[in-house]
C-alpha atoms as a PDB file:
ATOM      1  CA  MET A   1      -7.734 -75.016 -12.186  1.00  0.00           C
ATOM      2  CA  VAL A   2     -10.244 -75.299  -8.748  1.00  0.00           C
ATOM      3  CA  ASP A   3      -9.601 -76.887  -5.695  1.00  0.00           C
ATOM      4  CA  LYS A   4     -11.826 -78.380  -3.705  1.00  0.00           C
ATOM      5  CA  TYR A   5     -12.398 -75.803  -1.887  1.00  0.00           C
ATOM      6  CA  GLY A   6     -13.713 -73.674  -4.681  1.00  0.00           C
ATOM      7  CA  ARG A   7     -10.384 -71.511  -5.319  1.00  0.00           C
ATOM      8  CA  ASN A   8      -9.565 -70.704  -8.758  1.00  0.00           C
ATOM      9  CA  ILE A   9      -5.631 -71.315  -9.127  1.00  0.00           C
ATOM     10  CA  ASN A  10      -4.296 -69.125 -12.099  1.00  0.00           C
ATOM     11  CA  TYR A  11      -0.723 -68.345 -10.783  1.00  0.00           C
ATOM     12  CA  VAL A  12       2.122 -70.128 -11.027  1.00  0.00           C
ATOM     13  CA  ARG A  13       5.601 -69.696  -8.838  1.00  0.00           C
ATOM     14  CA  ILE A  14       8.292 -70.986 -11.086  1.00  0.00           C
ATOM     15  CA  SER A  15      12.321 -71.449  -9.536  1.00  0.00           C
ATOM     16  CA  LEU A  16      15.037 -71.421 -12.126  1.00  0.00           C
ATOM     17  CA  THR A  17      17.335 -71.942  -9.784  1.00  0.00           C
ATOM     18  CA  ASP A  18      18.406 -72.505  -6.216  1.00  0.00           C
ATOM     19  CA  LYS A  19      21.211 -69.969  -6.988  1.00  0.00           C
ATOM     20  CA  CYS A  20      21.888 -67.011  -5.644  1.00  0.00           C
ATOM     21  CA  ASN A  21      24.814 -64.074  -5.914  1.00  0.00           C
ATOM     22  CA  LEU A  22      23.638 -62.736  -2.300  1.00  0.00           C
ATOM     23  CA  ARG A  23      23.313 -64.367   1.289  1.00  0.00           C
ATOM     24  CA  CYS A  24      20.842 -62.737   3.028  1.00  0.00           C
ATOM     25  CA  ILE A  25      20.955 -63.457   6.604  1.00  0.00           C
ATOM     26  CA  TYR A  26      17.257 -65.054   6.853  1.00  0.00           C
ATOM     27  CA  CYS A  27      17.476 -66.802   3.251  1.00  0.00           C
ATOM     28  CA  MET A  28      20.671 -68.624   2.625  1.00  0.00           C
ATOM     29  CA  PRO A  29      23.425 -69.763   4.791  1.00  0.00           C
ATOM     30  CA  SER A  30      26.783 -67.885   4.755  1.00  0.00           C
ATOM     31  CA  ASP A  31      28.760 -71.116   4.010  1.00  0.00           C
ATOM     32  CA  ILE A  32      26.521 -72.153   1.246  1.00  0.00           C
ATOM     33  CA  GLU A  33      28.973 -72.725  -1.902  1.00  0.00           C
ATOM     34  CA  PHE A  34      27.712 -73.366  -5.710  1.00  0.00           C
ATOM     35  CA  GLU A  35      29.982 -74.539  -8.595  1.00  0.00           C
ATOM     36  CA  LYS A  36      30.706 -72.086 -11.069  1.00  0.00           C
ATOM     37  CA  ASN A  37      28.782 -72.892 -13.906  1.00  0.00           C
ATOM     38  CA  TYR A  38      25.754 -74.376 -11.835  1.00  0.00           C
ATOM     39  CA  ILE A  39      22.856 -73.153 -12.602  1.00  0.00           C
ATOM     40  CA  ASN A  40      20.150 -76.028 -12.781  1.00  0.00           C
ATOM     41  CA  ASP A  41      20.923 -78.958 -13.451  1.00  0.00           C
ATOM     42  CA  VAL A  42      17.602 -81.077 -13.224  1.00  0.00           C
ATOM     43  CA  LEU A  43      15.301 -78.924 -15.283  1.00  0.00           C
ATOM     44  CA  SER A  44      16.230 -77.903 -19.239  1.00  0.00           C
ATOM     45  CA  LEU A  45      14.935 -74.885 -20.904  1.00  0.00           C
ATOM     46  CA  ASN A  46      12.618 -77.364 -22.792  1.00  0.00           C
ATOM     47  CA  ASP A  47      11.142 -78.816 -19.745  1.00  0.00           C
ATOM     48  CA  TYR A  48      10.260 -75.256 -18.756  1.00  0.00           C
ATOM     49  CA  LYS A  49       8.488 -74.409 -21.719  1.00  0.00           C
ATOM     50  CA  PHE A  50       6.568 -77.816 -21.343  1.00  0.00           C
ATOM     51  CA  ILE A  51       5.791 -77.201 -17.983  1.00  0.00           C
ATOM     52  CA  ILE A  52       4.328 -73.231 -18.669  1.00  0.00           C
ATOM     53  CA  LYS A  53       2.945 -74.270 -22.177  1.00  0.00           C
ATOM     54  CA  GLY A  54       0.841 -77.228 -19.943  1.00  0.00           C
ATOM     55  CA  MET A  55      -0.206 -74.662 -17.131  1.00  0.00           C
ATOM     56  CA  SER A  56      -1.414 -72.452 -19.514  1.00  0.00           C
ATOM     57  CA  GLU A  57      -3.794 -74.734 -21.222  1.00  0.00           C
ATOM     58  CA  LEU A  58      -5.462 -76.059 -18.073  1.00  0.00           C
ATOM     59  CA  GLY A  59      -6.261 -71.853 -17.068  1.00  0.00           C
ATOM     60  CA  ILE A  60      -2.402 -70.754 -15.169  1.00  0.00           C
ATOM     61  CA  ASN A  61      -2.388 -66.880 -16.675  1.00  0.00           C
ATOM     62  CA  LYS A  62      -0.058 -65.862 -14.299  1.00  0.00           C
ATOM     63  CA  VAL A  63       3.540 -66.779 -14.289  1.00  0.00           C
ATOM     64  CA  ARG A  64       6.805 -65.433 -12.136  1.00  0.00           C
ATOM     65  CA  PHE A  65       9.935 -66.574 -12.365  1.00  0.00           C
ATOM     66  CA  THR A  66      12.088 -66.738  -9.372  1.00  0.00           C
ATOM     67  CA  GLY A  67      14.920 -68.524  -7.767  1.00  0.00           C
ATOM     68  CA  GLY A  68      17.164 -68.397  -6.234  1.00  0.00           C
ATOM     69  CA  GLU A  69      18.085 -65.564  -7.981  1.00  0.00           C
ATOM     70  CA  PRO A  70      16.562 -65.553 -11.874  1.00  0.00           C
ATOM     71  CA  LEU A  71      18.597 -63.569 -13.053  1.00  0.00           C
ATOM     72  CA  LEU A  72      21.363 -65.994 -12.809  1.00  0.00           C
ATOM     73  CA  TYR A  73      19.235 -68.056 -15.450  1.00  0.00           C
ATOM     74  CA  PRO A  74      20.678 -67.804 -19.045  1.00  0.00           C
ATOM     75  CA  ASN A  75      17.607 -68.382 -20.923  1.00  0.00           C
ATOM     76  CA  LEU A  76      15.129 -65.949 -19.046  1.00  0.00           C
ATOM     77  CA  VAL A  77      14.927 -63.546 -21.864  1.00  0.00           C
ATOM     78  CA  ASP A  78      13.928 -66.482 -24.273  1.00  0.00           C
ATOM     79  CA  LEU A  79      11.386 -67.965 -21.356  1.00  0.00           C
ATOM     80  CA  ILE A  80      10.013 -64.814 -21.065  1.00  0.00           C
ATOM     81  CA  ARG A  81       9.480 -64.894 -24.299  1.00  0.00           C
ATOM     82  CA  TYR A  82       7.667 -68.543 -25.074  1.00  0.00           C
ATOM     83  CA  THR A  83       5.607 -67.359 -22.109  1.00  0.00           C
ATOM     84  CA  TYR A  84       4.465 -64.152 -24.112  1.00  0.00           C
ATOM     85  CA  GLU A  85       4.645 -65.264 -26.854  1.00  0.00           C
ATOM     86  CA  GLU A  86       3.611 -68.948 -27.284  1.00  0.00           C
ATOM     87  CA  CYS A  87       1.789 -69.528 -24.295  1.00  0.00           C
ATOM     88  CA  ARG A  88      -0.300 -66.177 -24.484  1.00  0.00           C
ATOM     89  CA  ILE A  89      -0.083 -65.248 -20.627  1.00  0.00           C
ATOM     90  CA  ASP A  90       0.231 -61.310 -20.529  1.00  0.00           C
ATOM     91  CA  ASP A  91       0.771 -61.167 -17.113  1.00  0.00           C
ATOM     92  CA  ILE A  92       4.899 -61.979 -16.313  1.00  0.00           C
ATOM     93  CA  GLY A  93       6.983 -60.678 -13.462  1.00  0.00           C
ATOM     94  CA  ILE A  94      10.057 -62.334 -11.662  1.00  0.00           C
ATOM     95  CA  THR A  95      10.856 -61.966  -8.208  1.00  0.00           C
ATOM     96  CA  THR A  96      14.761 -60.370  -7.465  1.00  0.00           C
ATOM     97  CA  ASN A  97      17.375 -58.927  -5.546  1.00  0.00           C
ATOM     98  CA  GLY A  98      18.112 -56.357  -8.091  1.00  0.00           C
ATOM     99  CA  ILE A  99      21.274 -56.653  -8.465  1.00  0.00           C
ATOM    100  CA  ARG A 100      22.209 -57.288 -12.170  1.00  0.00           C
ATOM    101  CA  LEU A 101      18.221 -55.744 -12.930  1.00  0.00           C
ATOM    102  CA  HIS A 102      19.301 -52.604 -14.165  1.00  0.00           C
ATOM    103  CA  GLU A 103      21.458 -54.077 -16.701  1.00  0.00           C
ATOM    104  CA  MET A 104      18.794 -56.337 -18.640  1.00  0.00           C
ATOM    105  CA  ALA A 105      15.495 -54.470 -17.970  1.00  0.00           C
ATOM    106  CA  TYR A 106      15.149 -53.507 -21.044  1.00  0.00           C
ATOM    107  CA  GLU A 107      15.630 -56.616 -23.049  1.00  0.00           C
ATOM    108  CA  LEU A 108      12.869 -58.287 -20.372  1.00  0.00           C
ATOM    109  CA  TYR A 109      10.821 -55.654 -21.189  1.00  0.00           C
ATOM    110  CA  GLN A 110      10.818 -56.242 -24.694  1.00  0.00           C
ATOM    111  CA  ASN A 111      10.195 -59.881 -24.518  1.00  0.00           C
ATOM    112  CA  GLY A 112       7.113 -59.731 -22.201  1.00  0.00           C
ATOM    113  CA  LEU A 113       8.204 -59.008 -18.578  1.00  0.00           C
ATOM    114  CA  LYS A 114       5.522 -56.579 -16.920  1.00  0.00           C
ATOM    115  CA  SER A 115       6.732 -56.640 -13.500  1.00  0.00           C
ATOM    116  CA  VAL A 116       9.165 -57.113 -10.754  1.00  0.00           C
ATOM    117  CA  ASN A 117       9.285 -57.661  -7.259  1.00  0.00           C
ATOM    118  CA  ILE A 118      12.249 -56.088  -5.434  1.00  0.00           C
ATOM    119  CA  SER A 119      13.625 -58.038  -2.501  1.00  0.00           C
ATOM    120  CA  MET A 120      15.020 -54.595  -0.123  1.00  0.00           C
ATOM    121  CA  ASP A 121      15.680 -54.405   3.338  1.00  0.00           C
ATOM    122  CA  SER A 122      16.955 -51.728   4.151  1.00  0.00           C
ATOM    123  CA  LEU A 123      17.316 -47.666   2.589  1.00  0.00           C
ATOM    124  CA  LYS A 124      20.680 -47.651   4.155  1.00  0.00           C
ATOM    125  CA  GLU A 125      23.886 -49.066   2.063  1.00  0.00           C
ATOM    126  CA  TYR A 126      25.942 -50.362   5.343  1.00  0.00           C
ATOM    127  CA  LYS A 127      22.660 -52.194   6.502  1.00  0.00           C
ATOM    128  CA  TYR A 128      21.786 -53.270   3.577  1.00  0.00           C
ATOM    129  CA  LYS A 129      25.349 -54.880   2.999  1.00  0.00           C
ATOM    130  CA  SER A 130      25.037 -56.041   6.161  1.00  0.00           C
ATOM    131  CA  ILE A 131      21.615 -58.120   5.755  1.00  0.00           C
ATOM    132  CA  THR A 132      22.779 -59.508   2.407  1.00  0.00           C
ATOM    133  CA  ARG A 133      26.246 -60.167   3.172  1.00  0.00           C
ATOM    134  CA  GLY A 134      27.969 -58.000   0.480  1.00  0.00           C
ATOM    135  CA  GLY A 135      24.940 -56.615  -1.841  1.00  0.00           C
ATOM    136  CA  ASP A 136      25.533 -52.875  -2.848  1.00  0.00           C
ATOM    137  CA  LEU A 137      22.049 -50.743  -2.518  1.00  0.00           C
ATOM    138  CA  LYS A 138      23.393 -48.477  -4.946  1.00  0.00           C
ATOM    139  CA  ASP A 139      22.651 -51.412  -8.177  1.00  0.00           C
ATOM    140  CA  VAL A 140      18.877 -52.210  -6.417  1.00  0.00           C
ATOM    141  CA  LEU A 141      17.639 -48.170  -6.544  1.00  0.00           C
ATOM    142  CA  LYS A 142      19.888 -48.264 -10.403  1.00  0.00           C
ATOM    143  CA  SER A 143      17.239 -51.352 -10.633  1.00  0.00           C
ATOM    144  CA  ILE A 144      14.194 -49.453  -9.563  1.00  0.00           C
ATOM    145  CA  HIS A 145      14.528 -46.356 -11.495  1.00  0.00           C
ATOM    146  CA  LYS A 146      15.260 -48.435 -15.224  1.00  0.00           C
ATOM    147  CA  CYS A 147      12.342 -50.496 -14.289  1.00  0.00           C
ATOM    148  CA  LEU A 148      10.196 -47.254 -13.497  1.00  0.00           C
ATOM    149  CA  SER A 149      11.707 -45.699 -16.805  1.00  0.00           C
ATOM    150  CA  LEU A 150      10.321 -48.465 -18.563  1.00  0.00           C
ATOM    151  CA  GLY A 151       6.931 -48.294 -17.391  1.00  0.00           C
ATOM    152  CA  ILE A 152       7.460 -52.077 -15.333  1.00  0.00           C
ATOM    153  CA  LYS A 153       5.294 -52.052 -12.447  1.00  0.00           C
ATOM    154  CA  VAL A 154       7.803 -52.587  -9.460  1.00  0.00           C
ATOM    155  CA  LYS A 155       6.605 -53.797  -5.998  1.00  0.00           C
ATOM    156  CA  ILE A 156       9.526 -53.570  -3.167  1.00  0.00           C
ATOM    157  CA  ASN A 157       9.561 -56.533  -0.613  1.00  0.00           C
ATOM    158  CA  CYS A 158      11.015 -55.665   2.915  1.00  0.00           C
ATOM    159  CA  VAL A 159      11.113 -58.060   5.551  1.00  0.00           C
ATOM    160  CA  VAL A 160      10.690 -56.564   8.706  1.00  0.00           C
ATOM    161  CA  ILE A 161      12.961 -57.259  11.491  1.00  0.00           C
ATOM    162  CA  LYS A 162      13.074 -56.136  14.962  1.00  0.00           C
ATOM    163  CA  GLY A 163      15.842 -54.294  15.668  1.00  0.00           C
ATOM    164  CA  PHE A 164      17.471 -54.337  12.596  1.00  0.00           C
ATOM    165  CA  ASN A 165      15.099 -51.943   9.872  1.00  0.00           C
ATOM    166  CA  ASP A 166      11.869 -51.717  11.934  1.00  0.00           C
ATOM    167  CA  ASP A 167      13.264 -47.895  12.342  1.00  0.00           C
ATOM    168  CA  GLU A 168      13.201 -47.322   8.092  1.00  0.00           C
ATOM    169  CA  LEU A 169       9.518 -48.302   7.704  1.00  0.00           C
ATOM    170  CA  LEU A 170       8.060 -44.784   7.734  1.00  0.00           C
ATOM    171  CA  ASP A 171      11.093 -43.822   5.162  1.00  0.00           C
ATOM    172  CA  PHE A 172      10.143 -46.855   3.064  1.00  0.00           C
ATOM    173  CA  MET A 173       6.438 -45.628   3.423  1.00  0.00           C
ATOM    174  CA  LEU A 174       7.042 -42.140   1.785  1.00  0.00           C
ATOM    175  CA  MET A 175       8.570 -43.347  -0.882  1.00  0.00           C
ATOM    176  CA  THR A 176       5.400 -44.028  -1.980  1.00  0.00           C
ATOM    177  CA  LYS A 177       4.407 -40.205  -2.089  1.00  0.00           C
ATOM    178  CA  PHE A 178       6.834 -39.949  -4.530  1.00  0.00           C
ATOM    179  CA  TYR A 179       6.965 -42.941  -6.898  1.00  0.00           C
ATOM    180  CA  PRO A 180       4.337 -45.060  -8.326  1.00  0.00           C
ATOM    181  CA  ILE A 181       5.653 -48.430  -6.246  1.00  0.00           C
ATOM    182  CA  ASP A 182       4.505 -50.816  -3.870  1.00  0.00           C
ATOM    183  CA  VAL A 183       6.395 -50.891  -0.978  1.00  0.00           C
ATOM    184  CA  ARG A 184       5.472 -54.207   0.604  1.00  0.00           C
ATOM    185  CA  PHE A 185       6.367 -55.095   3.958  1.00  0.00           C
ATOM    186  CA  ILE A 186       6.302 -58.630   4.858  1.00  0.00           C
ATOM    187  CA  GLU A 187       6.133 -60.490   8.327  1.00  0.00           C
ATOM    188  CA  LEU A 188       9.592 -62.459   8.979  1.00  0.00           C
ATOM    189  CA  MET A 189       8.431 -66.305   9.118  1.00  0.00           C
ATOM    190  CA  PRO A 190      10.393 -69.279  10.968  1.00  0.00           C
ATOM    191  CA  LEU A 191      11.461 -70.590   8.089  1.00  0.00           C
ATOM    192  CA  GLY A 192      14.340 -71.619   6.898  1.00  0.00           C
ATOM    193  CA  GLU A 193      17.620 -69.283   8.416  1.00  0.00           C
ATOM    194  CA  ALA A 194      14.869 -66.891   9.357  1.00  0.00           C
ATOM    195  CA  SER A 195      13.860 -69.476  12.488  1.00  0.00           C
ATOM    196  CA  LYS A 196      17.275 -68.418  13.846  1.00  0.00           C
ATOM    197  CA  VAL A 197      16.094 -65.003  13.992  1.00  0.00           C
ATOM    198  CA  TYR A 198      12.780 -65.224  14.031  1.00  0.00           C
ATOM    199  CA  LYS A 199      11.917 -65.315  18.473  1.00  0.00           C
ATOM    200  CA  LYS A 200      13.692 -61.971  18.617  1.00  0.00           C
ATOM    201  CA  GLY A 201      13.170 -60.360  15.014  1.00  0.00           C
ATOM    202  CA  TYR A 202       9.278 -61.167  14.726  1.00  0.00           C
ATOM    203  CA  PHE A 203       7.886 -57.363  14.163  1.00  0.00           C
ATOM    204  CA  ASN A 204       3.725 -57.174  14.455  1.00  0.00           C
ATOM    205  CA  ILE A 205       3.726 -54.808  10.827  1.00  0.00           C
ATOM    206  CA  GLY A 206      -0.619 -54.858  10.703  1.00  0.00           C
ATOM    207  CA  GLN A 207      -0.043 -53.114  14.542  1.00  0.00           C
ATOM    208  CA  MET A 208       1.994 -50.846  13.325  1.00  0.00           C
ATOM    209  CA  ILE A 209       0.272 -49.771  10.276  1.00  0.00           C
ATOM    210  CA  ASP A 210      -3.120 -49.465  11.802  1.00  0.00           C
ATOM    211  CA  SER A 211      -1.513 -47.238  14.386  1.00  0.00           C
ATOM    212  CA  ILE A 212      -0.903 -44.492  11.313  1.00  0.00           C
ATOM    213  CA  ASP A 213      -3.873 -42.285  10.478  1.00  0.00           C
ATOM    214  CA  GLU A 214      -2.495 -40.707   7.567  1.00  0.00           C
ATOM    215  CA  LEU A 215      -2.756 -43.985   5.980  1.00  0.00           C
ATOM    216  CA  TYR A 216      -5.993 -45.674   4.636  1.00  0.00           C
ATOM    217  CA  LYS A 217      -7.218 -48.422   3.382  1.00  0.00           C
ATOM    218  CA  VAL A 218      -8.084 -49.591  -0.414  1.00  0.00           C
ATOM    219  CA  SER A 219      -9.214 -52.372  -2.212  1.00  0.00           C
ATOM    220  CA  SER A 220      -8.038 -54.039  -5.113  1.00  0.00           C
ATOM    221  CA  ASN A 221      -9.432 -56.176  -7.955  1.00  0.00           C
ATOM    222  CA  LYS A 222      -7.086 -58.646  -8.048  1.00  0.00           C
ATOM    223  CA  LYS A 223      -6.049 -61.377  -5.493  1.00  0.00           C
ATOM    224  CA  SER A 224      -3.353 -60.533  -3.778  1.00  0.00           C
ATOM    225  CA  ALA A 225      -1.032 -62.162  -0.434  1.00  0.00           C
ATOM    226  CA  ALA A 226      -0.862 -58.169   0.582  1.00  0.00           C
ATOM    227  CA  GLN A 227      -4.015 -55.645   2.191  1.00  0.00           C
ATOM    228  CA  TYR A 228      -2.887 -52.042   0.769  1.00  0.00           C
ATOM    229  CA  TYR A 229      -3.187 -48.956   2.273  1.00  0.00           C
ATOM    230  CA  LYS A 230      -2.306 -45.333   0.535  1.00  0.00           C
ATOM    231  CA  TYR A 231      -1.623 -41.660   1.724  1.00  0.00           C
ATOM    232  CA  ASP A 232      -3.578 -38.963  -0.208  1.00  0.00           C
ATOM    233  CA  GLY A 233      -2.290 -38.256  -3.000  1.00  0.00           C
ATOM    234  CA  ALA A 234       0.297 -40.534  -3.383  1.00  0.00           C
ATOM    235  CA  LYS A 235       1.371 -42.297  -6.487  1.00  0.00           C
ATOM    236  CA  GLY A 236       2.477 -45.538  -5.113  1.00  0.00           C
ATOM    237  CA  ARG A 237       0.810 -47.801  -2.440  1.00  0.00           C
ATOM    238  CA  VAL A 238       2.086 -49.609   0.988  1.00  0.00           C
ATOM    239  CA  GLY A 239       1.072 -53.653   1.408  1.00  0.00           C
ATOM    240  CA  VAL A 240       1.273 -55.474   4.309  1.00  0.00           C
ATOM    241  CA  ILE A 241       1.884 -58.952   3.926  1.00  0.00           C
ATOM    242  CA  THR A 242       1.079 -60.958   6.954  1.00  0.00           C
ATOM    243  CA  PRO A 243       0.788 -65.133   7.073  1.00  0.00           C
ATOM    244  CA  MET A 244       1.768 -64.660  10.776  1.00  0.00           C
ATOM    245  CA  SER A 245      -1.049 -62.888  12.266  1.00  0.00           C
ATOM    246  CA  CYS A 246      -3.293 -62.862   9.588  1.00  0.00           C
ATOM    247  CA  SER A 247      -3.620 -65.859   7.174  1.00  0.00           C
ATOM    248  CA  PHE A 248      -4.971 -65.102   3.624  1.00  0.00           C
ATOM    249  CA  CYS A 249      -5.100 -69.187   2.887  1.00  0.00           C
ATOM    250  CA  SER A 250      -8.736 -68.705   1.679  1.00  0.00           C
ATOM    251  CA  GLU A 251      -7.614 -66.453  -0.992  1.00  0.00           C
ATOM    252  CA  CYS A 252      -4.481 -68.109  -2.378  1.00  0.00           C
ATOM    253  CA  ASN A 253      -4.517 -68.855  -5.962  1.00  0.00           C
ATOM    254  CA  ARG A 254      -0.598 -70.299  -6.857  1.00  0.00           C
ATOM    255  CA  ILE A 255       1.121 -73.005  -6.302  1.00  0.00           C
ATOM    256  CA  ARG A 256       5.121 -73.118  -7.331  1.00  0.00           C
ATOM    257  CA  VAL A 257       7.352 -75.401  -9.751  1.00  0.00           C
ATOM    258  CA  THR A 258      11.002 -75.842  -7.742  1.00  0.00           C
ATOM    259  CA  ALA A 259      14.123 -75.599  -9.277  1.00  0.00           C
ATOM    260  CA  ASN A 260      14.345 -79.789  -8.853  1.00  0.00           C
ATOM    261  CA  GLY A 261      10.719 -80.478 -10.574  1.00  0.00           C
ATOM    262  CA  ASN A 262       8.328 -80.464  -7.698  1.00  0.00           C
ATOM    263  CA  ILE A 263       4.910 -79.086  -7.213  1.00  0.00           C
ATOM    264  CA  LYS A 264       4.639 -77.322  -3.670  1.00  0.00           C
ATOM    265  CA  LEU A 265       0.860 -77.030  -3.374  1.00  0.00           C
ATOM    266  CA  CYS A 266       1.317 -74.871   0.211  1.00  0.00           C
ATOM    267  CA  LEU A 267       4.947 -72.777   0.961  1.00  0.00           C
ATOM    268  CA  HIS A 268       4.125 -73.771   4.531  1.00  0.00           C
ATOM    269  CA  SER A 269       4.132 -77.653   3.738  1.00  0.00           C
ATOM    270  CA  LYS A 270       6.545 -80.113   3.235  1.00  0.00           C
ATOM    271  CA  GLU A 271       4.845 -82.440   0.995  1.00  0.00           C
ATOM    272  CA  GLU A 272       6.099 -81.953  -2.814  1.00  0.00           C
ATOM    273  CA  ILE A 273       4.964 -83.953  -5.751  1.00  0.00           C
ATOM    274  CA  ASP A 274       7.458 -84.995  -8.324  1.00  0.00           C
ATOM    275  CA  ILE A 275       6.034 -84.136 -12.309  1.00  0.00           C
ATOM    276  CA  LYS A 276       9.497 -85.406 -13.621  1.00  0.00           C
ATOM    277  CA  TYR A 277       8.101 -88.041 -14.453  1.00  0.00           C
ATOM    278  CA  TYR A 278       5.516 -86.431 -16.486  1.00  0.00           C
ATOM    279  CA  LEU A 279       7.397 -84.262 -18.532  1.00  0.00           C
ATOM    280  CA  ASN A 280       6.957 -84.178 -22.167  1.00  0.00           C
ATOM    281  CA  LYS A 281       3.689 -85.849 -21.780  1.00  0.00           C
ATOM    282  CA  PRO A 282       1.313 -83.673 -22.402  1.00  0.00           C
ATOM    283  CA  LEU A 283      -2.296 -85.696 -21.994  1.00  0.00           C
ATOM    284  CA  ILE A 284      -0.618 -87.305 -18.632  1.00  0.00           C
ATOM    285  CA  PHE A 285       0.321 -84.128 -17.528  1.00  0.00           C
ATOM    286  CA  ARG A 286      -2.573 -82.423 -17.564  1.00  0.00           C
ATOM    287  CA  GLU A 287      -4.803 -85.062 -16.016  1.00  0.00           C
ATOM    288  CA  ILE A 288      -2.085 -85.264 -12.866  1.00  0.00           C
ATOM    289  CA  MET A 289      -2.091 -81.420 -12.469  1.00  0.00           C
ATOM    290  CA  LYS A 290      -6.208 -81.476 -12.204  1.00  0.00           C
ATOM    291  CA  GLU A 291      -5.647 -84.282  -9.605  1.00  0.00           C
ATOM    292  CA  MET A 292      -2.712 -82.235  -7.568  1.00  0.00           C
ATOM    293  CA  ILE A 293      -4.494 -79.058  -7.501  1.00  0.00           C
ATOM    294  CA  LEU A 294      -8.246 -80.777  -5.637  1.00  0.00           C
ATOM    295  CA  GLU A 295      -5.024 -82.067  -2.978  1.00  0.00           C
ATOM    296  CA  LYS A 296      -3.894 -78.880  -2.313  1.00  0.00           C
ATOM    297  CA  PRO A 297      -4.624 -77.504   1.148  1.00  0.00           C
ATOM    298  CA  GLU A 298      -6.772 -75.621   2.847  1.00  0.00           C
ATOM    299  CA  LYS A 299      -4.289 -73.624   4.931  1.00  0.00           C
ATOM    300  CA  HIS A 300      -1.441 -73.707   6.821  1.00  0.00           C
ATOM    301  CA  TYR A 301      -0.784 -73.733  10.238  1.00  0.00           C
ATOM    302  CA  LEU A 302       1.762 -71.013  10.938  1.00  0.00           C
ATOM    303  CA  ASN A 303      -0.703 -69.305  13.167  1.00  0.00           C
ATOM    304  CA  GLU A 304      -1.193 -72.184  15.299  1.00  0.00           C
ATOM    305  CA  ASN A 305       2.043 -73.701  15.844  1.00  0.00           C
ATOM    306  CA  ARG A 306       3.847 -70.469  14.538  1.00  0.00           C
ATOM    307  CA  PHE A 307       6.997 -72.929  12.623  1.00  0.00           C
ATOM    308  CA  SER A 308       6.439 -74.140   8.913  1.00  0.00           C
ATOM    309  CA  ASP A 309       6.838 -77.658   8.284  1.00  0.00           C
ATOM    310  CA  THR A 310       8.151 -77.491   5.291  1.00  0.00           C
ATOM    311  CA  ASN A 311      11.781 -78.875   4.160  1.00  0.00           C
ATOM    312  CA  ARG A 312      13.584 -75.782   2.444  1.00  0.00           C
ATOM    313  CA  ARG A 313      15.206 -73.182   2.980  1.00  0.00           C
ATOM    314  CA  MET A 314      13.140 -70.032   1.227  1.00  0.00           C
ATOM    315  CA  TYR A 315      15.753 -69.862  -1.733  1.00  0.00           C
ATOM    316  CA  GLN A 316      15.051 -73.436  -2.567  1.00  0.00           C
ATOM    317  CA  ILE A 317      11.525 -72.564  -2.863  1.00  0.00           C
ATOM    318  CA  GLY A 318      11.237 -69.046  -4.347  1.00  0.00           C
ATOM    319  CA  GLY A 319       9.474 -65.915  -3.227  1.00  0.00           C
END
């Protein structure tokens, strides 16, 4: 699918639930509660399969499952298997906090999972527990090692917050010297809960990276929101995602499906398109999707007004 600005849209991020087992301070309010058995009361497993099949027929060849926390979704293995075997999509990933991943990684890998983006904002146990409001860093580290042992590509996503973890960035970067992982630093964005800490917590990552002489810029043969750097002889890479100080909109190749059945053409736009009416109507669905893609915005305006106009919090969109 090609939008009116000539961008090939071949990547979809699919939120399976807005429920999470953590309460990260920049993502989810501490007082949000979900019913015990709640996962998703809008889209069924068959609905997700229909969406993925339809999009694959339109040229989507990369799928990332997100949340909330996608590992809470009971049919995740089935959905990954379907995406890989029935839709012939080989590039399948998940974005996860990693808490339960070490228990599930092998089965997910056996059914087609190729990559994981793991959110981890501190290498210190007390800090990690603080920012996640109760998470155990040991579980995340265990998951990283398990994925590496299986050959699953690992990316660590670290949201940088001034005064909280900006003193740990070098430690994160040094991990790439010894492990075949990508550590990606993400600028804090004034979106949802993060808007409460944005003014005091914003840290210009690009300036920090440019000041480190040992790092050199590397090119990638894949479109990515990240600019990558590397140490000489390192096994992994250091990535920087800077939507605030440097927009990557001209290279954007993705759309999002929310857990309540809406399409978001841009993360930072409040505009969403409800696709539930078109589910299980293959011909109409394909034509509607083509029309939607043509309306994908050229860019967001975070650089100009510094605040996202989306009505959603991050956990309702997916990372």
